PDB file of all heavy atoms in Angstrom:
ATOM      1  N   ASN A   1     113.630  91.993  91.605  1.00  0.00           N
ATOM      2  CA  ASN A   1     112.786  90.927  92.133  1.00  0.00           C
ATOM      3  C   ASN A   1     112.449  91.109  93.609  1.00  0.00           C
ATOM      4  O   ASN A   1     111.299  90.940  94.032  1.00  0.00           O
ATOM      5  CB  ASN A   1     113.430  89.555  91.909  1.00  0.00           C
ATOM      6  CG  ASN A   1     114.825  89.444  92.487  1.00  0.00           C
ATOM      7  OD1 ASN A   1     115.632  90.371  92.376  1.00  0.00           O
ATOM      8  ND2 ASN A   1     115.131  88.301  93.099  1.00  0.00           N
ATOM      9  N   ALA A   2     113.436  91.477  94.430  1.00  0.00           N
ATOM     10  CA  ALA A   2     113.188  91.676  95.858  1.00  0.00           C
ATOM     11  C   ALA A   2     112.298  92.894  96.092  1.00  0.00           C
ATOM     12  O   ALA A   2     111.422  92.875  96.968  1.00  0.00           O
ATOM     13  CB  ALA A   2     114.503  91.829  96.614  1.00  0.00           C
ATOM     14  N   VAL A   3     112.508  93.943  95.316  1.00  0.00           N
ATOM     15  CA  VAL A   3     111.693  95.158  95.452  1.00  0.00           C
ATOM     16  C   VAL A   3     110.234  94.851  95.117  1.00  0.00           C
ATOM     17  O   VAL A   3     109.321  95.244  95.847  1.00  0.00           O
ATOM     18  CB  VAL A   3     112.217  96.277  94.522  1.00  0.00           C
ATOM     19  CG1 VAL A   3     111.346  97.519  94.654  1.00  0.00           C
ATOM     20  CG2 VAL A   3     113.660  96.614  94.846  1.00  0.00           C
ATOM     21  N   TYR A   4     110.030  94.147  94.010  1.00  0.00           N
ATOM     22  CA  TYR A   4     108.675  93.802  93.587  1.00  0.00           C
ATOM     23  C   TYR A   4     107.992  92.913  94.625  1.00  0.00           C
ATOM     24  O   TYR A   4     106.840  93.150  95.009  1.00  0.00           O
ATOM     25  CB  TYR A   4     108.701  93.098  92.235  1.00  0.00           C
ATOM     26  CG  TYR A   4     107.344  92.644  91.764  1.00  0.00           C
ATOM     27  CD1 TYR A   4     106.452  93.544  91.200  1.00  0.00           C
ATOM     28  CD2 TYR A   4     106.961  91.309  91.880  1.00  0.00           C
ATOM     29  CE1 TYR A   4     105.199  93.132  90.776  1.00  0.00           C
ATOM     30  CE2 TYR A   4     105.720  90.878  91.468  1.00  0.00           C
ATOM     31  CZ  TYR A   4     104.828  91.803  90.918  1.00  0.00           C
ATOM     32  OH  TYR A   4     103.585  91.395  90.515  1.00  0.00           O
ATOM     33  N   GLY A   5     108.700  91.870  95.069  1.00  0.00           N
ATOM     34  CA  GLY A   5     108.117  90.960  96.050  1.00  0.00           C
ATOM     35  C   GLY A   5     107.829  91.648  97.373  1.00  0.00           C
ATOM     36  O   GLY A   5     106.768  91.443  97.973  1.00  0.00           O
ATOM     37  N   PHE A   6     108.764  92.468  97.834  1.00  0.00           N
ATOM     38  CA  PHE A   6     108.594  93.200  99.089  1.00  0.00           C
ATOM     39  C   PHE A   6     107.373  94.117  98.994  1.00  0.00           C
ATOM     40  O   PHE A   6     106.536  94.152  99.911  1.00  0.00           O
ATOM     41  CB  PHE A   6     109.848  94.019  99.376  1.00  0.00           C
ATOM     42  CG  PHE A   6     109.787  94.858 100.622  1.00  0.00           C
ATOM     43  CD1 PHE A   6     110.219  94.354 101.841  1.00  0.00           C
ATOM     44  CD2 PHE A   6     109.305  96.165 100.573  1.00  0.00           C
ATOM     45  CE1 PHE A   6     110.167  95.140 102.988  1.00  0.00           C
ATOM     46  CE2 PHE A   6     109.249  96.948 101.710  1.00  0.00           C
ATOM     47  CZ  PHE A   6     109.681  96.430 102.919  1.00  0.00           C
ATOM     48  N   THR A   7     107.259  94.861  97.905  1.00  0.00           N
ATOM     49  CA  THR A   7     106.144  95.781  97.730  1.00  0.00           C
ATOM     50  C   THR A   7     104.807  95.044  97.696  1.00  0.00           C
ATOM     51  O   THR A   7     103.835  95.458  98.330  1.00  0.00           O
ATOM     52  CB  THR A   7     106.312  96.593  96.431  1.00  0.00           C
ATOM     53  OG1 THR A   7     107.580  97.240  96.441  1.00  0.00           O
ATOM     54  CG2 THR A   7     105.220  97.634  96.290  1.00  0.00           C
ATOM     55  N   SER A   8     104.777  93.935  96.985  1.00  0.00           N
ATOM     56  CA  SER A   8     103.547  93.139  96.893  1.00  0.00           C
ATOM     57  C   SER A   8     103.129  92.604  98.261  1.00  0.00           C
ATOM     58  O   SER A   8     101.947  92.647  98.628  1.00  0.00           O
ATOM     59  CB  SER A   8     103.744  91.971  95.915  1.00  0.00           C
ATOM     60  OG  SER A   8     104.041  92.437  94.618  1.00  0.00           O
ATOM     61  N   MET A   9     104.105  92.116  99.025  1.00  0.00           N
ATOM     62  CA  MET A   9     103.804  91.581 100.353  1.00  0.00           C
ATOM     63  C   MET A   9     103.301  92.669 101.285  1.00  0.00           C
ATOM     64  O   MET A   9     102.365  92.464 102.067  1.00  0.00           O
ATOM     65  CB  MET A   9     105.060  90.916 100.941  1.00  0.00           C
ATOM     66  CG  MET A   9     105.504  89.656 100.229  1.00  0.00           C
ATOM     67  SD  MET A   9     107.049  89.008 100.937  1.00  0.00           S
ATOM     68  CE  MET A   9     107.400  87.666  99.801  1.00  0.00           C
ATOM     69  N   LEU A  10     103.907  93.836 101.216  1.00  0.00           N
ATOM     70  CA  LEU A  10     103.524  94.933 102.095  1.00  0.00           C
ATOM     71  C   LEU A  10     102.117  95.430 101.762  1.00  0.00           C
ATOM     72  O   LEU A  10     101.302  95.677 102.659  1.00  0.00           O
ATOM     73  CB  LEU A  10     104.543  96.067 101.957  1.00  0.00           C
ATOM     74  CG  LEU A  10     104.684  97.045 103.122  1.00  0.00           C
ATOM     75  CD1 LEU A  10     104.944  96.316 104.435  1.00  0.00           C
ATOM     76  CD2 LEU A  10     105.814  98.029 102.838  1.00  0.00           C
ATOM     77  N   ARG A  11     101.824  95.578 100.487  1.00  0.00           N
ATOM     78  CA  ARG A  11     100.500  96.024 100.073  1.00  0.00           C
ATOM     79  C   ARG A  11      99.428  95.005 100.450  1.00  0.00           C
ATOM     80  O   ARG A  11      98.322  95.365 100.866  1.00  0.00           O
ATOM     81  CB  ARG A  11     100.486  96.288  98.573  1.00  0.00           C
ATOM     82  CG  ARG A  11     101.242  97.554  98.159  1.00  0.00           C
ATOM     83  CD  ARG A  11     101.494  97.602  96.673  1.00  0.00           C
ATOM     84  NE  ARG A  11     100.254  97.658  95.903  1.00  0.00           N
ATOM     85  CZ  ARG A  11      99.679  98.780  95.470  1.00  0.00           C
ATOM     86  NH1 ARG A  11     100.223  99.949  95.768  1.00  0.00           N
ATOM     87  NH2 ARG A  11      98.580  98.742  94.756  1.00  0.00           N
ATOM     88  N   LYS A  12      99.758  93.736 100.321  1.00  0.00           N
ATOM     89  CA  LYS A  12      98.810  92.680 100.697  1.00  0.00           C
ATOM     90  C   LYS A  12      98.555  92.691 102.197  1.00  0.00           C
ATOM     91  O   LYS A  12      97.416  92.485 102.654  1.00  0.00           O
ATOM     92  CB  LYS A  12      99.338  91.312 100.261  1.00  0.00           C
ATOM     93  CG  LYS A  12      98.351  90.176 100.462  1.00  0.00           C
ATOM     94  CD  LYS A  12      98.907  88.860  99.932  1.00  0.00           C
ATOM     95  CE  LYS A  12      97.852  87.761  99.958  1.00  0.00           C
ATOM     96  NZ  LYS A  12      97.305  87.483 101.304  1.00  0.00           N
ATOM     97  N   LEU A  13      99.608  92.928 102.978  1.00  0.00           N
ATOM     98  CA  LEU A  13      99.457  93.002 104.427  1.00  0.00           C
ATOM     99  C   LEU A  13      98.473  94.109 104.809  1.00  0.00           C
ATOM    100  O   LEU A  13      97.574  93.905 105.633  1.00  0.00           O
ATOM    101  CB  LEU A  13     100.816  93.259 105.081  1.00  0.00           C
ATOM    102  CG  LEU A  13     100.809  93.473 106.599  1.00  0.00           C
ATOM    103  CD1 LEU A  13     100.506  92.158 107.312  1.00  0.00           C
ATOM    104  CD2 LEU A  13     102.150  94.035 107.077  1.00  0.00           C
ATOM    105  N   ILE A  14      98.635  95.275 104.202  1.00  0.00           N
ATOM    106  CA  ILE A  14      97.740  96.399 104.493  1.00  0.00           C
ATOM    107  C   ILE A  14      96.316  96.084 104.041  1.00  0.00           C
ATOM    108  O   ILE A  14      95.346  96.348 104.770  1.00  0.00           O
ATOM    109  CB  ILE A  14      98.253  97.681 103.803  1.00  0.00           C
ATOM    110  CG1 ILE A  14      99.610  98.078 104.376  1.00  0.00           C
ATOM    111  CG2 ILE A  14      97.241  98.815 103.957  1.00  0.00           C
ATOM    112  CD1 ILE A  14     100.271  99.228 103.643  1.00  0.00           C
ATOM    113  N   ARG A  15      96.187  95.508 102.868  1.00  0.00           N
ATOM    114  CA  ARG A  15      94.869  95.203 102.323  1.00  0.00           C
ATOM    115  C   ARG A  15      94.138  94.145 103.148  1.00  0.00           C
ATOM    116  O   ARG A  15      92.933  94.268 103.419  1.00  0.00           O
ATOM    117  CB  ARG A  15      95.019  94.729 100.875  1.00  0.00           C
ATOM    118  CG  ARG A  15      93.702  94.474 100.167  1.00  0.00           C
ATOM    119  CD  ARG A  15      93.926  94.176  98.697  1.00  0.00           C
ATOM    120  NE  ARG A  15      94.724  92.972  98.473  1.00  0.00           N
ATOM    121  CZ  ARG A  15      95.956  92.982  97.991  1.00  0.00           C
ATOM    122  NH1 ARG A  15      96.556  94.130  97.690  1.00  0.00           N
ATOM    123  NH2 ARG A  15      96.620  91.848  97.798  1.00  0.00           N
ATOM    124  N   ASP A  16      94.847  93.111 103.572  1.00  0.00           N
ATOM    125  CA  ASP A  16      94.205  91.990 104.269  1.00  0.00           C
ATOM    126  C   ASP A  16      93.958  92.257 105.745  1.00  0.00           C
ATOM    127  O   ASP A  16      92.996  91.733 106.323  1.00  0.00           O
ATOM    128  CB  ASP A  16      95.056  90.728 104.130  1.00  0.00           C
ATOM    129  CG  ASP A  16      95.097  90.197 102.707  1.00  0.00           C
ATOM    130  OD1 ASP A  16      94.326  90.705 101.861  1.00  0.00           O
ATOM    131  OD2 ASP A  16      95.911  89.290 102.440  1.00  0.00           O
ATOM    132  N   HIS A  17      94.838  93.062 106.381  1.00  0.00           N
ATOM    133  CA  HIS A  17      94.756  93.206 107.840  1.00  0.00           C
ATOM    134  C   HIS A  17      94.393  94.613 108.306  1.00  0.00           C
ATOM    135  O   HIS A  17      94.043  94.790 109.474  1.00  0.00           O
ATOM    136  CB  HIS A  17      96.082  92.773 108.466  1.00  0.00           C
ATOM    137  CG  HIS A  17      96.419  91.336 108.198  1.00  0.00           C
ATOM    138  ND1 HIS A  17      95.919  90.296 108.946  1.00  0.00           N
ATOM    139  CD2 HIS A  17      97.204  90.766 107.238  1.00  0.00           C
ATOM    140  CE1 HIS A  17      96.378  89.146 108.479  1.00  0.00           C
ATOM    141  NE2 HIS A  17      97.163  89.403 107.440  1.00  0.00           N
ATOM    142  N   ALA A  18      94.507  95.603 107.458  1.00  0.00           N
ATOM    143  CA  ALA A  18      94.133  96.987 107.777  1.00  0.00           C
ATOM    144  C   ALA A  18      94.636  97.421 109.157  1.00  0.00           C
ATOM    145  O   ALA A  18      93.854  97.779 110.034  1.00  0.00           O
ATOM    146  CB  ALA A  18      92.614  97.143 107.711  1.00  0.00           C
ATOM    147  N   PRO A  19      95.946  97.393 109.385  1.00  0.00           N
ATOM    148  CA  PRO A  19      96.478  97.797 110.700  1.00  0.00           C
ATOM    149  C   PRO A  19      96.236  99.272 110.977  1.00  0.00           C
ATOM    150  O   PRO A  19      96.220 100.097 110.062  1.00  0.00           O
ATOM    151  CB  PRO A  19      97.979  97.504 110.571  1.00  0.00           C
ATOM    152  CG  PRO A  19      98.259  97.544 109.104  1.00  0.00           C
ATOM    153  CD  PRO A  19      97.032  97.033 108.437  1.00  0.00           C
ATOM    154  N   ASP A  20      96.040  99.587 112.248  1.00  0.00           N
ATOM    155  CA  ASP A  20      95.879 100.990 112.636  1.00  0.00           C
ATOM    156  C   ASP A  20      97.211 101.721 112.543  1.00  0.00           C
ATOM    157  O   ASP A  20      97.261 102.877 112.123  1.00  0.00           O
ATOM    158  CB  ASP A  20      95.332 101.078 114.065  1.00  0.00           C
ATOM    159  CG  ASP A  20      93.920 100.534 114.179  1.00  0.00           C
ATOM    160  OD1 ASP A  20      93.038 101.051 113.470  1.00  0.00           O
ATOM    161  OD2 ASP A  20      93.710  99.594 114.965  1.00  0.00           O
ATOM    162  N   TYR A  21      98.278 101.037 112.974  1.00  0.00           N
ATOM    163  CA  TYR A  21      99.625 101.594 112.894  1.00  0.00           C
ATOM    164  C   TYR A  21     100.540 100.552 112.276  1.00  0.00           C
ATOM    165  O   TYR A  21     100.385  99.355 112.523  1.00  0.00           O
ATOM    166  CB  TYR A  21     100.144 101.996 114.279  1.00  0.00           C
ATOM    167  CG  TYR A  21      99.292 103.035 114.969  1.00  0.00           C
ATOM    168  CD1 TYR A  21      98.416 102.675 115.980  1.00  0.00           C
ATOM    169  CD2 TYR A  21      99.373 104.373 114.596  1.00  0.00           C
ATOM    170  CE1 TYR A  21      97.627 103.625 116.598  1.00  0.00           C
ATOM    171  CE2 TYR A  21      98.588 105.330 115.216  1.00  0.00           C
ATOM    172  CZ  TYR A  21      97.707 104.954 116.216  1.00  0.00           C
ATOM    173  OH  TYR A  21      96.919 105.895 116.815  1.00  0.00           O
ATOM    174  N   LEU A  22     101.476 101.028 111.484  1.00  0.00           N
ATOM    175  CA  LEU A  22     102.364 100.119 110.758  1.00  0.00           C
ATOM    176  C   LEU A  22     103.766 100.710 110.702  1.00  0.00           C
ATOM    177  O   LEU A  22     103.954 101.864 110.321  1.00  0.00           O
ATOM    178  CB  LEU A  22     101.825  99.912 109.338  1.00  0.00           C
ATOM    179  CG  LEU A  22     102.670  99.091 108.358  1.00  0.00           C
ATOM    180  CD1 LEU A  22     102.819  97.653 108.850  1.00  0.00           C
ATOM    181  CD2 LEU A  22     102.023  99.100 106.977  1.00  0.00           C
ATOM    182  N   VAL A  23     104.753  99.906 111.105  1.00  0.00           N
ATOM    183  CA  VAL A  23     106.146 100.323 111.071  1.00  0.00           C
ATOM    184  C   VAL A  23     106.975  99.194 110.447  1.00  0.00           C
ATOM    185  O   VAL A  23     106.813  98.028 110.807  1.00  0.00           O
ATOM    186  CB  VAL A  23     106.694 100.628 112.492  1.00  0.00           C
ATOM    187  CG1 VAL A  23     108.156 101.051 112.413  1.00  0.00           C
ATOM    188  CG2 VAL A  23     105.869 101.708 113.166  1.00  0.00           C
ATOM    189  N   VAL A  24     107.845  99.549 109.519  1.00  0.00           N
ATOM    190  CA  VAL A  24     108.773  98.582 108.938  1.00  0.00           C
ATOM    191  C   VAL A  24     110.146  98.814 109.564  1.00  0.00           C
ATOM    192  O   VAL A  24     110.633  99.941 109.593  1.00  0.00           O
ATOM    193  CB  VAL A  24     108.861  98.737 107.406  1.00  0.00           C
ATOM    194  CG1 VAL A  24     109.849  97.722 106.836  1.00  0.00           C
ATOM    195  CG2 VAL A  24     107.491  98.538 106.774  1.00  0.00           C
ATOM    196  N   VAL A  25     110.746  97.746 110.072  1.00  0.00           N
ATOM    197  CA  VAL A  25     112.018  97.858 110.782  1.00  0.00           C
ATOM    198  C   VAL A  25     113.104  97.129 109.998  1.00  0.00           C
ATOM    199  O   VAL A  25     112.933  95.978 109.594  1.00  0.00           O
ATOM    200  CB  VAL A  25     111.916  97.270 112.207  1.00  0.00           C
ATOM    201  CG1 VAL A  25     113.209  97.521 112.973  1.00  0.00           C
ATOM    202  CG2 VAL A  25     110.726  97.872 112.961  1.00  0.00           C
ATOM    203  N   PHE A  26     114.223  97.825 109.766  1.00  0.00           N
ATOM    204  CA  PHE A  26     115.322  97.263 108.982  1.00  0.00           C
ATOM    205  C   PHE A  26     116.578  97.108 109.840  1.00  0.00           C
ATOM    206  O   PHE A  26     116.777  97.825 110.823  1.00  0.00           O
ATOM    207  CB  PHE A  26     115.677  98.186 107.807  1.00  0.00           C
ATOM    208  CG  PHE A  26     114.597  98.339 106.788  1.00  0.00           C
ATOM    209  CD1 PHE A  26     113.872  99.529 106.698  1.00  0.00           C
ATOM    210  CD2 PHE A  26     114.297  97.317 105.903  1.00  0.00           C
ATOM    211  CE1 PHE A  26     112.881  99.695 105.742  1.00  0.00           C
ATOM    212  CE2 PHE A  26     113.301  97.468 104.945  1.00  0.00           C
ATOM    213  CZ  PHE A  26     112.600  98.657 104.863  1.00  0.00           C
ATOM    214  N   ASP A  27     117.449  96.171 109.418  1.00  0.00           N
ATOM    215  CA  ASP A  27     118.814  96.129 109.938  1.00  0.00           C
ATOM    216  C   ASP A  27     119.578  97.284 109.307  1.00  0.00           C
ATOM    217  O   ASP A  27     119.491  97.498 108.090  1.00  0.00           O
ATOM    218  CB  ASP A  27     119.502  94.814 109.575  1.00  0.00           C
ATOM    219  CG  ASP A  27     118.919  93.620 110.317  1.00  0.00           C
ATOM    220  OD1 ASP A  27     118.471  93.793 111.458  1.00  0.00           O
ATOM    221  OD2 ASP A  27     118.905  92.520 109.728  1.00  0.00           O
ATOM    222  N   LYS A  28     120.343  98.005 110.111  1.00  0.00           N
ATOM    223  CA  LYS A  28     121.109  99.132 109.581  1.00  0.00           C
ATOM    224  C   LYS A  28     122.377  98.673 108.882  1.00  0.00           C
ATOM    225  O   LYS A  28     122.735  99.138 107.814  1.00  0.00           O
ATOM    226  CB  LYS A  28     121.459 100.101 110.722  1.00  0.00           C
ATOM    227  CG  LYS A  28     122.249 101.337 110.295  1.00  0.00           C
ATOM    228  CD  LYS A  28     121.415 102.273 109.456  1.00  0.00           C
ATOM    229  CE  LYS A  28     122.156 103.566 109.192  1.00  0.00           C
ATOM    230  NZ  LYS A  28     121.384 104.485 108.327  1.00  0.00           N
ATOM    231  N   SER A  29     123.089  97.738 109.517  1.00  0.00           N
ATOM    232  CA  SER A  29     124.332  97.227 108.950  1.00  0.00           C
ATOM    233  C   SER A  29     124.606  95.850 109.542  1.00  0.00           C
ATOM    234  O   SER A  29     123.921  95.400 110.460  1.00  0.00           O
ATOM    235  CB  SER A  29     125.496  98.169 109.250  1.00  0.00           C
ATOM    236  OG  SER A  29     125.722  98.253 110.648  1.00  0.00           O
ATOM    237  N   ALA A  30     125.632  95.194 109.004  1.00  0.00           N
ATOM    238  CA  ALA A  30     125.968  93.844 109.478  1.00  0.00           C
ATOM    239  C   ALA A  30     126.615  93.865 110.853  1.00  0.00           C
ATOM    240  O   ALA A  30     126.548  92.897 111.610  1.00  0.00           O
ATOM    241  CB  ALA A  30     126.886  93.159 108.478  1.00  0.00           C
ATOM    242  N   GLN A  31     127.271  94.973 111.215  1.00  0.00           N
ATOM    243  CA  GLN A  31     127.972  95.068 112.487  1.00  0.00           C
ATOM    244  C   GLN A  31     127.048  95.643 113.568  1.00  0.00           C
ATOM    245  O   GLN A  31     126.418  96.678 113.362  1.00  0.00           O
ATOM    246  CB  GLN A  31     129.207  95.955 112.343  1.00  0.00           C
ATOM    247  CG  GLN A  31     130.267  95.399 111.410  1.00  0.00           C
ATOM    248  CD  GLN A  31     130.883  94.113 111.933  1.00  0.00           C
ATOM    249  OE1 GLN A  31     131.305  94.028 113.093  1.00  0.00           O
ATOM    250  NE2 GLN A  31     130.945  93.091 111.092  1.00  0.00           N
ATOM    251  N   THR A  32     126.963  94.942 114.699  1.00  0.00           N
ATOM    252  CA  THR A  32     126.160  95.417 115.824  1.00  0.00           C
ATOM    253  C   THR A  32     126.988  95.375 117.097  1.00  0.00           C
ATOM    254  O   THR A  32     128.146  94.943 117.086  1.00  0.00           O
ATOM    255  CB  THR A  32     124.903  94.538 116.018  1.00  0.00           C
ATOM    256  OG1 THR A  32     125.299  93.244 116.531  1.00  0.00           O
ATOM    257  CG2 THR A  32     124.156  94.354 114.702  1.00  0.00           C
ATOM    258  N   PHE A  33     126.389  95.805 118.193  1.00  0.00           N
ATOM    259  CA  PHE A  33     127.106  95.784 119.471  1.00  0.00           C
ATOM    260  C   PHE A  33     127.496  94.368 119.872  1.00  0.00           C
ATOM    261  O   PHE A  33     128.423  94.168 120.657  1.00  0.00           O
ATOM    262  CB  PHE A  33     126.256  96.430 120.574  1.00  0.00           C
ATOM    263  CG  PHE A  33     125.051  95.622 120.991  1.00  0.00           C
ATOM    264  CD1 PHE A  33     125.137  94.710 122.032  1.00  0.00           C
ATOM    265  CD2 PHE A  33     123.827  95.798 120.367  1.00  0.00           C
ATOM    266  CE1 PHE A  33     124.036  93.972 122.432  1.00  0.00           C
ATOM    267  CE2 PHE A  33     122.711  95.074 120.759  1.00  0.00           C
ATOM    268  CZ  PHE A  33     122.810  94.151 121.792  1.00  0.00           C
ATOM    269  N   ARG A  34     126.818  93.365 119.310  1.00  0.00           N
ATOM    270  CA  ARG A  34     127.158  91.973 119.620  1.00  0.00           C
ATOM    271  C   ARG A  34     128.541  91.604 119.084  1.00  0.00           C
ATOM    272  O   ARG A  34     129.227  90.771 119.661  1.00  0.00           O
ATOM    273  CB  ARG A  34     126.090  91.042 119.052  1.00  0.00           C
ATOM    274  CG  ARG A  34     124.725  91.214 119.712  1.00  0.00           C
ATOM    275  CD  ARG A  34     123.677  90.307 119.073  1.00  0.00           C
ATOM    276  NE  ARG A  34     122.404  90.463 119.753  1.00  0.00           N
ATOM    277  CZ  ARG A  34     121.525  91.406 119.468  1.00  0.00           C
ATOM    278  NH1 ARG A  34     121.783  92.283 118.515  1.00  0.00           N
ATOM    279  NH2 ARG A  34     120.385  91.487 120.126  1.00  0.00           N
ATOM    280  N   ASN A  35     128.925  92.213 117.979  1.00  0.00           N
ATOM    281  CA  ASN A  35     130.255  91.950 117.431  1.00  0.00           C
ATOM    282  C   ASN A  35     131.355  92.492 118.340  1.00  0.00           C
ATOM    283  O   ASN A  35     132.466  91.965 118.370  1.00  0.00           O
ATOM    284  CB  ASN A  35     130.388  92.562 116.038  1.00  0.00           C
ATOM    285  CG  ASN A  35     129.423  91.951 115.043  1.00  0.00           C
ATOM    286  OD1 ASN A  35     128.387  92.538 114.732  1.00  0.00           O
ATOM    287  ND2 ASN A  35     129.737  90.763 114.548  1.00  0.00           N
ATOM    288  N   GLU A  36     131.036  93.550 119.072  1.00  0.00           N
ATOM    289  CA  GLU A  36     132.005  94.078 120.033  1.00  0.00           C
ATOM    290  C   GLU A  36     132.159  93.123 121.210  1.00  0.00           C
ATOM    291  O   GLU A  36     133.253  92.945 121.747  1.00  0.00           O
ATOM    292  CB  GLU A  36     131.550  95.445 120.520  1.00  0.00           C
ATOM    293  CG  GLU A  36     131.464  96.505 119.415  1.00  0.00           C
ATOM    294  CD  GLU A  36     130.929  97.820 119.930  1.00  0.00           C
ATOM    295  OE1 GLU A  36     130.773  97.946 121.166  1.00  0.00           O
ATOM    296  OE2 GLU A  36     130.665  98.718 119.121  1.00  0.00           O
ATOM    297  N   LEU A  37     131.058  92.483 121.591  1.00  0.00           N
ATOM    298  CA  LEU A  37     131.101  91.538 122.706  1.00  0.00           C
ATOM    299  C   LEU A  37     131.671  90.188 122.283  1.00  0.00           C
ATOM    300  O   LEU A  37     132.366  89.526 123.051  1.00  0.00           O
ATOM    301  CB  LEU A  37     129.682  91.342 123.269  1.00  0.00           C
ATOM    302  CG  LEU A  37     128.985  92.584 123.830  1.00  0.00           C
ATOM    303  CD1 LEU A  37     127.551  92.265 124.192  1.00  0.00           C
ATOM    304  CD2 LEU A  37     129.736  93.106 125.047  1.00  0.00           C
ATOM    305  N   TYR A  38     131.370  89.797 121.045  1.00  0.00           N
ATOM    306  CA  TYR A  38     131.807  88.493 120.534  1.00  0.00           C
ATOM    307  C   TYR A  38     132.117  88.641 119.047  1.00  0.00           C
ATOM    308  O   TYR A  38     131.224  88.599 118.199  1.00  0.00           O
ATOM    309  CB  TYR A  38     130.690  87.460 120.749  1.00  0.00           C
ATOM    310  CG  TYR A  38     131.016  86.071 120.241  1.00  0.00           C
ATOM    311  CD1 TYR A  38     132.155  85.393 120.676  1.00  0.00           C
ATOM    312  CD2 TYR A  38     130.165  85.436 119.337  1.00  0.00           C
ATOM    313  CE1 TYR A  38     132.451  84.125 120.213  1.00  0.00           C
ATOM    314  CE2 TYR A  38     130.444  84.158 118.868  1.00  0.00           C
ATOM    315  CZ  TYR A  38     131.593  83.510 119.310  1.00  0.00           C
ATOM    316  OH  TYR A  38     131.881  82.249 118.859  1.00  0.00           O
ATOM    317  N   PRO A  39     133.375  88.871 118.691  1.00  0.00           N
ATOM    318  CA  PRO A  39     133.767  89.166 117.305  1.00  0.00           C
ATOM    319  C   PRO A  39     133.314  88.117 116.289  1.00  0.00           C
ATOM    320  O   PRO A  39     133.126  88.442 115.110  1.00  0.00           O
ATOM    321  CB  PRO A  39     135.288  89.238 117.381  1.00  0.00           C
ATOM    322  CG  PRO A  39     135.572  89.642 118.795  1.00  0.00           C
ATOM    323  CD  PRO A  39     134.526  88.957 119.623  1.00  0.00           C
TER     324      PRO A  39
END
């Protein structure tokens, strides 16, 4: 379900807005440098 919805949203974004450049940014993991500063 998430794969289908994500793909549909991404394709619609490209179709409706025709961006010149497009980058998808993900979280790598749940732990970040903030956890080192504040557990």
